[in-house]
């Protein structure tokens, strides 16, 4: 949202956060137990959602801490999105 960070999903169960200007890694998010397929920033850039082969969606805060885990899918989570208006 602010074009300062890039998030990438990986088959190594992690999410990498990158500085968009320097292209350097600035953090790694760990919490999924299987491949991560999708990441999406919230419209305000304060939260990142990730979907995984472990059937869960993790929500991450700006401080790169796992805020919550949404469980209940019966298969891989291959896409996540935030509501554009945050509602």
PDB file of N, CA and C in Angstrom:
ATOM      1  N   UNK A   1       0.795  -1.223   0.000  1.00  0.00           N
ATOM      2  CA  UNK A   1       0.000   0.000   0.000  1.00  0.00           C
ATOM      3  C   UNK A   1       0.828   1.274   0.000  1.00  0.00           C
ATOM      4  N   UNK A   2       1.969   1.268   0.697  1.00  0.00           N
ATOM      5  CA  UNK A   2       2.796   2.466   0.693  1.00  0.00           C
ATOM      6  C   UNK A   2       4.016   2.310  -0.203  1.00  0.00           C
ATOM      7  N   UNK A   3       4.099   1.201  -0.895  1.00  0.00           N
ATOM      8  CA  UNK A   3       5.183   0.907  -1.844  1.00  0.00           C
ATOM      9  C   UNK A   3       6.568   0.872  -1.213  1.00  0.00           C
ATOM     10  N   UNK A   4       6.645   0.747   0.105  1.00  0.00           N
ATOM     11  CA  UNK A   4       7.938   0.676   0.767  1.00  0.00           C
ATOM     12  C   UNK A   4       8.361  -0.751   1.073  1.00  0.00           C
ATOM     13  N   UNK A   5       7.385  -1.678   1.096  1.00  0.00           N
ATOM     14  CA  UNK A   5       7.676  -3.057   1.441  1.00  0.00           C
ATOM     15  C   UNK A   5       7.085  -4.002   0.402  1.00  0.00           C
ATOM     16  N   UNK A   6       7.740  -5.123   0.252  1.00  0.00           N
ATOM     17  CA  UNK A   6       7.256  -6.198  -0.613  1.00  0.00           C
ATOM     18  C   UNK A   6       7.221  -7.453   0.251  1.00  0.00           C
ATOM     19  N   UNK A   7       6.165  -8.245   0.099  1.00  0.00           N
ATOM     20  CA  UNK A   7       6.072  -9.526   0.808  1.00  0.00           C
ATOM     21  C   UNK A   7       6.083 -10.644  -0.227  1.00  0.00           C
ATOM     22  N   UNK A   8       6.817 -11.703   0.065  1.00  0.00           N
ATOM     23  CA  UNK A   8       6.851 -12.859  -0.839  1.00  0.00           C
ATOM     24  C   UNK A   8       6.541 -14.130  -0.055  1.00  0.00           C
ATOM     25  N   UNK A   9       5.776 -15.027  -0.697  1.00  0.00           N
ATOM     26  CA  UNK A   9       5.398 -16.313  -0.109  1.00  0.00           C
ATOM     27  C   UNK A   9       6.340 -17.385  -0.631  1.00  0.00           C
ATOM     28  N   UNK A  10       6.533 -18.440   0.171  1.00  0.00           N
ATOM     29  CA  UNK A  10       7.518 -19.452  -0.220  1.00  0.00           C
ATOM     30  C   UNK A  10       7.092 -20.868   0.142  1.00  0.00           C
ATOM     31  N   UNK A  11       7.659 -21.820  -0.588  1.00  0.00           N
ATOM     32  CA  UNK A  11       7.463 -23.234  -0.285  1.00  0.00           C
ATOM     33  C   UNK A  11       8.223 -23.669   0.960  1.00  0.00           C
ATOM     34  N   UNK A  12       9.067 -22.795   1.523  1.00  0.00           N
ATOM     35  CA  UNK A  12       9.796 -23.162   2.742  1.00  0.00           C
ATOM     36  C   UNK A  12       9.007 -22.798   4.006  1.00  0.00           C
ATOM     37  N   UNK A  13       7.699 -22.534   3.844  1.00  0.00           N
ATOM     38  CA  UNK A  13       6.760 -22.237   4.942  1.00  0.00           C
ATOM     39  C   UNK A  13       6.904 -20.829   5.498  1.00  0.00           C
ATOM     40  N   UNK A  14       7.668 -19.988   4.855  1.00  0.00           N
ATOM     41  CA  UNK A  14       7.910 -18.652   5.385  1.00  0.00           C
ATOM     42  C   UNK A  14       7.415 -17.558   4.441  1.00  0.00           C
ATOM     43  N   UNK A  15       7.411 -16.357   4.980  1.00  0.00           N
ATOM     44  CA  UNK A  15       7.115 -15.150   4.215  1.00  0.00           C
ATOM     45  C   UNK A  15       8.298 -14.221   4.422  1.00  0.00           C
ATOM     46  N   UNK A  16       8.815 -13.677   3.364  1.00  0.00           N
ATOM     47  CA  UNK A  16       9.921 -12.717   3.461  1.00  0.00           C
ATOM     48  C   UNK A  16       9.367 -11.316   3.230  1.00  0.00           C
ATOM     49  N   UNK A  17       9.882 -10.364   3.987  1.00  0.00           N
ATOM     50  CA  UNK A  17       9.554  -8.950   3.816  1.00  0.00           C
ATOM     51  C   UNK A  17      10.808  -8.270   3.284  1.00  0.00           C
ATOM     52  N   UNK A  18      10.605  -7.477   2.234  1.00  0.00           N
ATOM     53  CA  UNK A  18      11.716  -6.833   1.528  1.00  0.00           C
ATOM     54  C   UNK A  18      11.522  -5.330   1.514  1.00  0.00           C
ATOM     55  N   UNK A  19      12.610  -4.588   1.569  1.00  0.00           N
ATOM     56  CA  UNK A  19      12.579  -3.146   1.376  1.00  0.00           C
ATOM     57  C   UNK A  19      12.489  -2.889  -0.127  1.00  0.00           C
ATOM     58  N   UNK A  20      11.461  -2.200  -0.570  1.00  0.00           N
ATOM     59  CA  UNK A  20      11.235  -2.000  -2.005  1.00  0.00           C
ATOM     60  C   UNK A  20      12.282  -1.089  -2.649  1.00  0.00           C
ATOM     61  N   UNK A  21      12.930  -0.250  -1.882  1.00  0.00           N
ATOM     62  CA  UNK A  21      13.943   0.652  -2.441  1.00  0.00           C
ATOM     63  C   UNK A  21      15.297  -0.039  -2.588  1.00  0.00           C
ATOM     64  N   UNK A  22      15.717  -0.751  -1.526  1.00  0.00           N
ATOM     65  CA  UNK A  22      17.051  -1.368  -1.530  1.00  0.00           C
ATOM     66  C   UNK A  22      17.020  -2.818  -2.016  1.00  0.00           C
ATOM     67  N   UNK A  23      15.826  -3.401  -2.059  1.00  0.00           N
ATOM     68  CA  UNK A  23      15.632  -4.810  -2.430  1.00  0.00           C
ATOM     69  C   UNK A  23      16.325  -5.753  -1.453  1.00  0.00           C
ATOM     70  N   UNK A  24      16.533  -5.297  -0.224  1.00  0.00           N
ATOM     71  CA  UNK A  24      17.137  -6.135   0.808  1.00  0.00           C
ATOM     72  C   UNK A  24      16.061  -6.727   1.701  1.00  0.00           C
ATOM     73  N   UNK A  25      16.303  -7.940   2.157  1.00  0.00           N
ATOM     74  CA  UNK A  25      15.386  -8.587   3.087  1.00  0.00           C
ATOM     75  C   UNK A  25      15.420  -7.855   4.424  1.00  0.00           C
ATOM     76  N   UNK A  26      14.247  -7.552   4.967  1.00  0.00           N
ATOM     77  CA  UNK A  26      14.181  -6.866   6.257  1.00  0.00           C
ATOM     78  C   UNK A  26      13.497  -7.722   7.325  1.00  0.00           C
ATOM     79  N   UNK A  27      12.968  -8.884   6.939  1.00  0.00           N
ATOM     80  CA  UNK A  27      12.345  -9.738   7.931  1.00  0.00           C
ATOM     81  C   UNK A  27      11.820 -11.029   7.352  1.00  0.00           C
ATOM     82  N   UNK A  28      11.615 -11.985   8.230  1.00  0.00           N
ATOM     83  CA  UNK A  28      11.031 -13.278   7.876  1.00  0.00           C
ATOM     84  C   UNK A  28       9.906 -13.564   8.837  1.00  0.00           C
ATOM     85  N   UNK A  29       8.766 -13.970   8.298  1.00  0.00           N
ATOM     86  CA  UNK A  29       7.615 -14.341   9.116  1.00  0.00           C
ATOM     87  C   UNK A  29       7.496 -15.857   9.107  1.00  0.00           C
ATOM     88  N   UNK A  30       7.459 -16.447  10.283  1.00  0.00           N
ATOM     89  CA  UNK A  30       7.344 -17.897  10.419  1.00  0.00           C
ATOM     90  C   UNK A  30       6.136 -18.207  11.284  1.00  0.00           C
ATOM     91  N   UNK A  31       5.358 -19.170  10.861  1.00  0.00           N
ATOM     92  CA  UNK A  31       4.174 -19.556  11.621  1.00  0.00           C
ATOM     93  C   UNK A  31       3.383 -20.627  10.912  1.00  0.00           C
ATOM     94  N   UNK A  32       3.481 -20.659   9.595  1.00  0.00           N
ATOM     95  CA  UNK A  32       2.815 -21.709   8.838  1.00  0.00           C
ATOM     96  C   UNK A  32       3.616 -23.006   8.947  1.00  0.00           C
ATOM     97  N   UNK A  33       2.919 -24.125   8.818  1.00  0.00           N
ATOM     98  CA  UNK A  33       3.578 -25.429   8.911  1.00  0.00           C
ATOM     99  C   UNK A  33       3.701 -26.109   7.553  1.00  0.00           C
ATOM    100  N   UNK A  34       3.339 -25.388   6.494  1.00  0.00           N
ATOM    101  CA  UNK A  34       3.461 -25.911   5.137  1.00  0.00           C
ATOM    102  C   UNK A  34       3.646 -24.725   4.189  1.00  0.00           C
ATOM    103  N   UNK A  35       3.769 -25.005   2.907  1.00  0.00           N
ATOM    104  CA  UNK A  35       4.021 -23.969   1.907  1.00  0.00           C
ATOM    105  C   UNK A  35       3.020 -22.824   1.996  1.00  0.00           C
ATOM    106  N   UNK A  36       3.528 -21.604   1.821  1.00  0.00           N
ATOM    107  CA  UNK A  36       2.683 -20.411   1.795  1.00  0.00           C
ATOM    108  C   UNK A  36       2.442 -20.069   0.332  1.00  0.00           C
ATOM    109  N   UNK A  37       1.165 -19.930  -0.045  1.00  0.00           N
ATOM    110  CA  UNK A  37       0.809 -19.701  -1.441  1.00  0.00           C
ATOM    111  C   UNK A  37       0.504 -18.243  -1.772  1.00  0.00           C
ATOM    112  N   UNK A  38       0.032 -17.477  -0.802  1.00  0.00           N
ATOM    113  CA  UNK A  38      -0.485 -16.158  -1.137  1.00  0.00           C
ATOM    114  C   UNK A  38      -0.294 -15.208   0.029  1.00  0.00           C
ATOM    115  N   UNK A  39       0.019 -13.961  -0.277  1.00  0.00           N
ATOM    116  CA  UNK A  39       0.082 -12.906   0.737  1.00  0.00           C
ATOM    117  C   UNK A  39      -0.650 -11.680   0.212  1.00  0.00           C
ATOM    118  N   UNK A  40      -1.229 -10.897   1.120  1.00  0.00           N
ATOM    119  CA  UNK A  40      -1.931  -9.671   0.727  1.00  0.00           C
ATOM    120  C   UNK A  40      -1.871  -8.666   1.868  1.00  0.00           C
ATOM    121  N   UNK A  41      -1.451  -7.443   1.538  1.00  0.00           N
ATOM    122  CA  UNK A  41      -1.443  -6.352   2.515  1.00  0.00           C
ATOM    123  C   UNK A  41      -2.851  -5.809   2.686  1.00  0.00           C
ATOM    124  N   UNK A  42      -3.188  -5.379   3.887  1.00  0.00           N
ATOM    125  CA  UNK A  42      -4.452  -4.677   4.115  1.00  0.00           C
ATOM    126  C   UNK A  42      -4.373  -3.313   3.429  1.00  0.00           C
ATOM    127  N   UNK A  43      -5.522  -2.697   3.130  1.00  0.00           N
ATOM    128  CA  UNK A  43      -5.503  -1.401   2.439  1.00  0.00           C
ATOM    129  C   UNK A  43      -4.691  -0.321   3.152  1.00  0.00           C
ATOM    130  N   UNK A  44      -4.659  -0.365   4.484  1.00  0.00           N
ATOM    131  CA  UNK A  44      -3.891   0.647   5.225  1.00  0.00           C
ATOM    132  C   UNK A  44      -2.432   0.239   5.437  1.00  0.00           C
ATOM    133  N   UNK A  45      -2.055  -0.951   4.974  1.00  0.00           N
ATOM    134  CA  UNK A  45      -0.676  -1.413   5.089  1.00  0.00           C
ATOM    135  C   UNK A  45      -0.272  -1.851   6.477  1.00  0.00           C
ATOM    136  N   UNK A  46      -1.229  -1.940   7.392  1.00  0.00           N
ATOM    137  CA  UNK A  46      -0.914  -2.284   8.773  1.00  0.00           C
ATOM    138  C   UNK A  46      -0.890  -3.783   9.035  1.00  0.00           C
ATOM    139  N   UNK A  47      -1.514  -4.562   8.155  1.00  0.00           N
ATOM    140  CA  UNK A  47      -1.603  -5.999   8.384  1.00  0.00           C
ATOM    141  C   UNK A  47      -1.351  -6.763   7.089  1.00  0.00           C
ATOM    142  N   UNK A  48      -0.752  -7.921   7.234  1.00  0.00           N
ATOM    143  CA  UNK A  48      -0.509  -8.809   6.109  1.00  0.00           C
ATOM    144  C   UNK A  48      -1.258 -10.112   6.383  1.00  0.00           C
ATOM    145  N   UNK A  49      -1.962 -10.619   5.383  1.00  0.00           N
ATOM    146  CA  UNK A  49      -2.630 -11.921   5.489  1.00  0.00           C
ATOM    147  C   UNK A  49      -1.885 -12.903   4.600  1.00  0.00           C
ATOM    148  N   UNK A  50      -1.773 -14.143   5.059  1.00  0.00           N
ATOM    149  CA  UNK A  50      -1.098 -15.177   4.272  1.00  0.00           C
ATOM    150  C   UNK A  50      -1.937 -16.450   4.257  1.00  0.00           C
ATOM    151  N   UNK A  51      -1.984 -17.100   3.104  1.00  0.00           N
ATOM    152  CA  UNK A  51      -2.705 -18.361   2.946  1.00  0.00           C
ATOM    153  C   UNK A  51      -1.723 -19.483   2.667  1.00  0.00           C
ATOM    154  N   UNK A  52      -1.997 -20.656   3.222  1.00  0.00           N
ATOM    155  CA  UNK A  52      -1.012 -21.733   3.175  1.00  0.00           C
ATOM    156  C   UNK A  52      -1.616 -23.099   2.859  1.00  0.00           C
ATOM    157  N   UNK A  53      -0.724 -23.993   2.509  1.00  0.00           N
ATOM    158  CA  UNK A  53      -1.062 -25.390   2.283  1.00  0.00           C
ATOM    159  C   UNK A  53      -1.428 -26.083   3.605  1.00  0.00           C
ATOM    160  N   UNK A  54      -1.196 -25.406   4.734  1.00  0.00           N
ATOM    161  CA  UNK A  54      -1.563 -25.989   6.027  1.00  0.00           C
ATOM    162  C   UNK A  54      -3.018 -25.709   6.403  1.00  0.00           C
ATOM    163  N   UNK A  55      -3.799 -25.241   5.398  1.00  0.00           N
ATOM    164  CA  UNK A  55      -5.244 -24.994   5.532  1.00  0.00           C
ATOM    165  C   UNK A  55      -5.566 -23.785   6.407  1.00  0.00           C
ATOM    166  N   UNK A  56      -4.621 -22.879   6.598  1.00  0.00           N
ATOM    167  CA  UNK A  56      -4.865 -21.734   7.475  1.00  0.00           C
ATOM    168  C   UNK A  56      -4.553 -20.409   6.794  1.00  0.00           C
ATOM    169  N   UNK A  57      -5.104 -19.357   7.391  1.00  0.00           N
ATOM    170  CA  UNK A  57      -4.778 -17.981   7.038  1.00  0.00           C
ATOM    171  C   UNK A  57      -4.167 -17.357   8.285  1.00  0.00           C
ATOM    172  N   UNK A  58      -2.970 -16.796   8.157  1.00  0.00           N
ATOM    173  CA  UNK A  58      -2.341 -16.095   9.277  1.00  0.00           C
ATOM    174  C   UNK A  58      -2.430 -14.600   9.023  1.00  0.00           C
ATOM    175  N   UNK A  59      -2.668 -13.867  10.087  1.00  0.00           N
ATOM    176  CA  UNK A  59      -2.695 -12.409  10.033  1.00  0.00           C
ATOM    177  C   UNK A  59      -1.496 -11.899  10.819  1.00  0.00           C
ATOM    178  N   UNK A  60      -0.751 -11.006  10.184  1.00  0.00           N
ATOM    179  CA  UNK A  60       0.507 -10.516  10.751  1.00  0.00           C
ATOM    180  C   UNK A  60       0.414  -9.017  10.968  1.00  0.00           C
ATOM    181  N   UNK A  61       0.961  -8.540  12.081  1.00  0.00           N
ATOM    182  CA  UNK A  61       0.966  -7.112  12.383  1.00  0.00           C
ATOM    183  C   UNK A  61       2.195  -6.440  11.767  1.00  0.00           C
ATOM    184  N   UNK A  62       2.209  -5.119  11.819  1.00  0.00           N
ATOM    185  CA  UNK A  62       3.352  -4.333  11.328  1.00  0.00           C
ATOM    186  C   UNK A  62       4.646  -4.740  12.029  1.00  0.00           C
ATOM    187  N   UNK A  63       4.540  -5.159  13.291  1.00  0.00           N
ATOM    188  CA  UNK A  63       5.736  -5.535  14.050  1.00  0.00           C
ATOM    189  C   UNK A  63       6.228  -6.929  13.687  1.00  0.00           C
ATOM    190  N   UNK A  64       5.594  -7.522  12.655  1.00  0.00           N
ATOM    191  CA  UNK A  64       5.974  -8.834  12.124  1.00  0.00           C
ATOM    192  C   UNK A  64       5.680  -9.977  13.094  1.00  0.00           C
ATOM    193  N   UNK A  65       4.711  -9.746  13.962  1.00  0.00           N
ATOM    194  CA  UNK A  65       4.286 -10.806  14.859  1.00  0.00           C
ATOM    195  C   UNK A  65       2.963 -11.370  14.370  1.00  0.00           C
ATOM    196  N   UNK A  66       2.796 -12.676  14.540  1.00  0.00           N
ATOM    197  CA  UNK A  66       1.544 -13.304  14.152  1.00  0.00           C
ATOM    198  C   UNK A  66       0.449 -12.798  15.079  1.00  0.00           C
ATOM    199  N   UNK A  67      -0.568 -12.188  14.496  1.00  0.00           N
ATOM    200  CA  UNK A  67      -1.641 -11.600  15.281  1.00  0.00           C
ATOM    201  C   UNK A  67      -2.760 -12.602  15.524  1.00  0.00           C
ATOM    202  N   UNK A  68      -3.069 -13.396  14.520  1.00  0.00           N
ATOM    203  CA  UNK A  68      -4.165 -14.349  14.637  1.00  0.00           C
ATOM    204  C   UNK A  68      -4.034 -15.401  13.543  1.00  0.00           C
ATOM    205  N   UNK A  69      -4.628 -16.558  13.769  1.00  0.00           N
ATOM    206  CA  UNK A  69      -4.659 -17.615  12.764  1.00  0.00           C
ATOM    207  C   UNK A  69      -6.107 -18.026  12.555  1.00  0.00           C
ATOM    208  N   UNK A  70      -6.528 -18.030  11.306  1.00  0.00           N
ATOM    209  CA  UNK A  70      -7.883 -18.431  10.951  1.00  0.00           C
ATOM    210  C   UNK A  70      -7.830 -19.865  10.447  1.00  0.00           C
ATOM    211  N   UNK A  71      -8.547 -20.741  11.115  1.00  0.00           N
ATOM    212  CA  UNK A  71      -8.568 -22.146  10.740  1.00  0.00           C
ATOM    213  C   UNK A  71      -9.994 -22.539  10.366  1.00  0.00           C
ATOM    214  N   UNK A  72     -10.138 -23.600   9.612  1.00  0.00           N
ATOM    215  CA  UNK A  72     -11.464 -24.071   9.252  1.00  0.00           C
ATOM    216  C   UNK A  72     -11.572 -24.532   7.818  1.00  0.00           C
ATOM    217  N   UNK A  73     -10.577 -24.209   7.013  1.00  0.00           N
ATOM    218  CA  UNK A  73     -10.576 -24.713   5.640  1.00  0.00           C
ATOM    219  C   UNK A  73     -10.282 -26.206   5.651  1.00  0.00           C
ATOM    220  N   UNK A  74     -10.801 -26.886   4.672  1.00  0.00           N
ATOM    221  CA  UNK A  74     -10.571 -28.329   4.554  1.00  0.00           C
ATOM    222  C   UNK A  74      -9.561 -28.667   3.468  1.00  0.00           C
ATOM    223  N   UNK A  75      -8.891 -27.642   2.963  1.00  0.00           N
ATOM    224  CA  UNK A  75      -7.883 -27.842   1.932  1.00  0.00           C
ATOM    225  C   UNK A  75      -6.978 -26.613   1.897  1.00  0.00           C
ATOM    226  N   UNK A  76      -6.022 -26.631   0.967  1.00  0.00           N
ATOM    227  CA  UNK A  76      -5.065 -25.528   0.841  1.00  0.00           C
ATOM    228  C   UNK A  76      -5.779 -24.184   0.696  1.00  0.00           C
ATOM    229  N   UNK A  77      -5.207 -23.140   1.296  1.00  0.00           N
ATOM    230  CA  UNK A  77      -5.693 -21.771   1.095  1.00  0.00           C
ATOM    231  C   UNK A  77      -4.811 -21.160   0.011  1.00  0.00           C
ATOM    232  N   UNK A  78      -5.373 -20.979  -1.171  1.00  0.00           N
ATOM    233  CA  UNK A  78      -4.575 -20.562  -2.319  1.00  0.00           C
ATOM    234  C   UNK A  78      -4.735 -19.093  -2.676  1.00  0.00           C
ATOM    235  N   UNK A  79      -5.586 -18.364  -1.949  1.00  0.00           N
ATOM    236  CA  UNK A  79      -5.748 -16.945  -2.229  1.00  0.00           C
ATOM    237  C   UNK A  79      -6.327 -16.261  -0.992  1.00  0.00           C
ATOM    238  N   UNK A  80      -5.861 -15.058  -0.715  1.00  0.00           N
ATOM    239  CA  UNK A  80      -6.425 -14.232   0.347  1.00  0.00           C
ATOM    240  C   UNK A  80      -6.552 -12.811  -0.173  1.00  0.00           C
ATOM    241  N   UNK A  81      -7.494 -12.060   0.369  1.00  0.00           N
ATOM    242  CA  UNK A  81      -7.681 -10.661  -0.025  1.00  0.00           C
ATOM    243  C   UNK A  81      -8.322  -9.915   1.121  1.00  0.00           C
ATOM    244  N   UNK A  82      -8.062  -8.624   1.172  1.00  0.00           N
ATOM    245  CA  UNK A  82      -8.691  -7.736   2.142  1.00  0.00           C
ATOM    246  C   UNK A  82      -9.775  -6.936   1.432  1.00  0.00           C
ATOM    247  N   UNK A  83     -10.789  -6.555   2.166  1.00  0.00           N
ATOM    248  CA  UNK A  83     -11.817  -5.674   1.632  1.00  0.00           C
ATOM    249  C   UNK A  83     -11.180  -4.311   1.348  1.00  0.00           C
ATOM    250  N   UNK A  84     -11.394  -3.723   0.168  1.00  0.00           N
ATOM    251  CA  UNK A  84     -10.762  -2.453  -0.185  1.00  0.00           C
ATOM    252  C   UNK A  84     -11.071  -1.312   0.790  1.00  0.00           C
ATOM    253  N   UNK A  85     -12.278  -1.336   1.395  1.00  0.00           N
ATOM    254  CA  UNK A  85     -12.632  -0.261   2.320  1.00  0.00           C
ATOM    255  C   UNK A  85     -12.371  -0.644   3.773  1.00  0.00           C
ATOM    256  N   UNK A  86     -11.794  -1.825   3.997  1.00  0.00           N
ATOM    257  CA  UNK A  86     -11.443  -2.248   5.346  1.00  0.00           C
ATOM    258  C   UNK A  86     -12.626  -2.708   6.175  1.00  0.00           C
ATOM    259  N   UNK A  87     -13.786  -2.869   5.570  1.00  0.00           N
ATOM    260  CA  UNK A  87     -14.980  -3.303   6.319  1.00  0.00           C
ATOM    261  C   UNK A  87     -15.302  -4.747   6.045  1.00  0.00           C
TER     262      UNK A  87
END
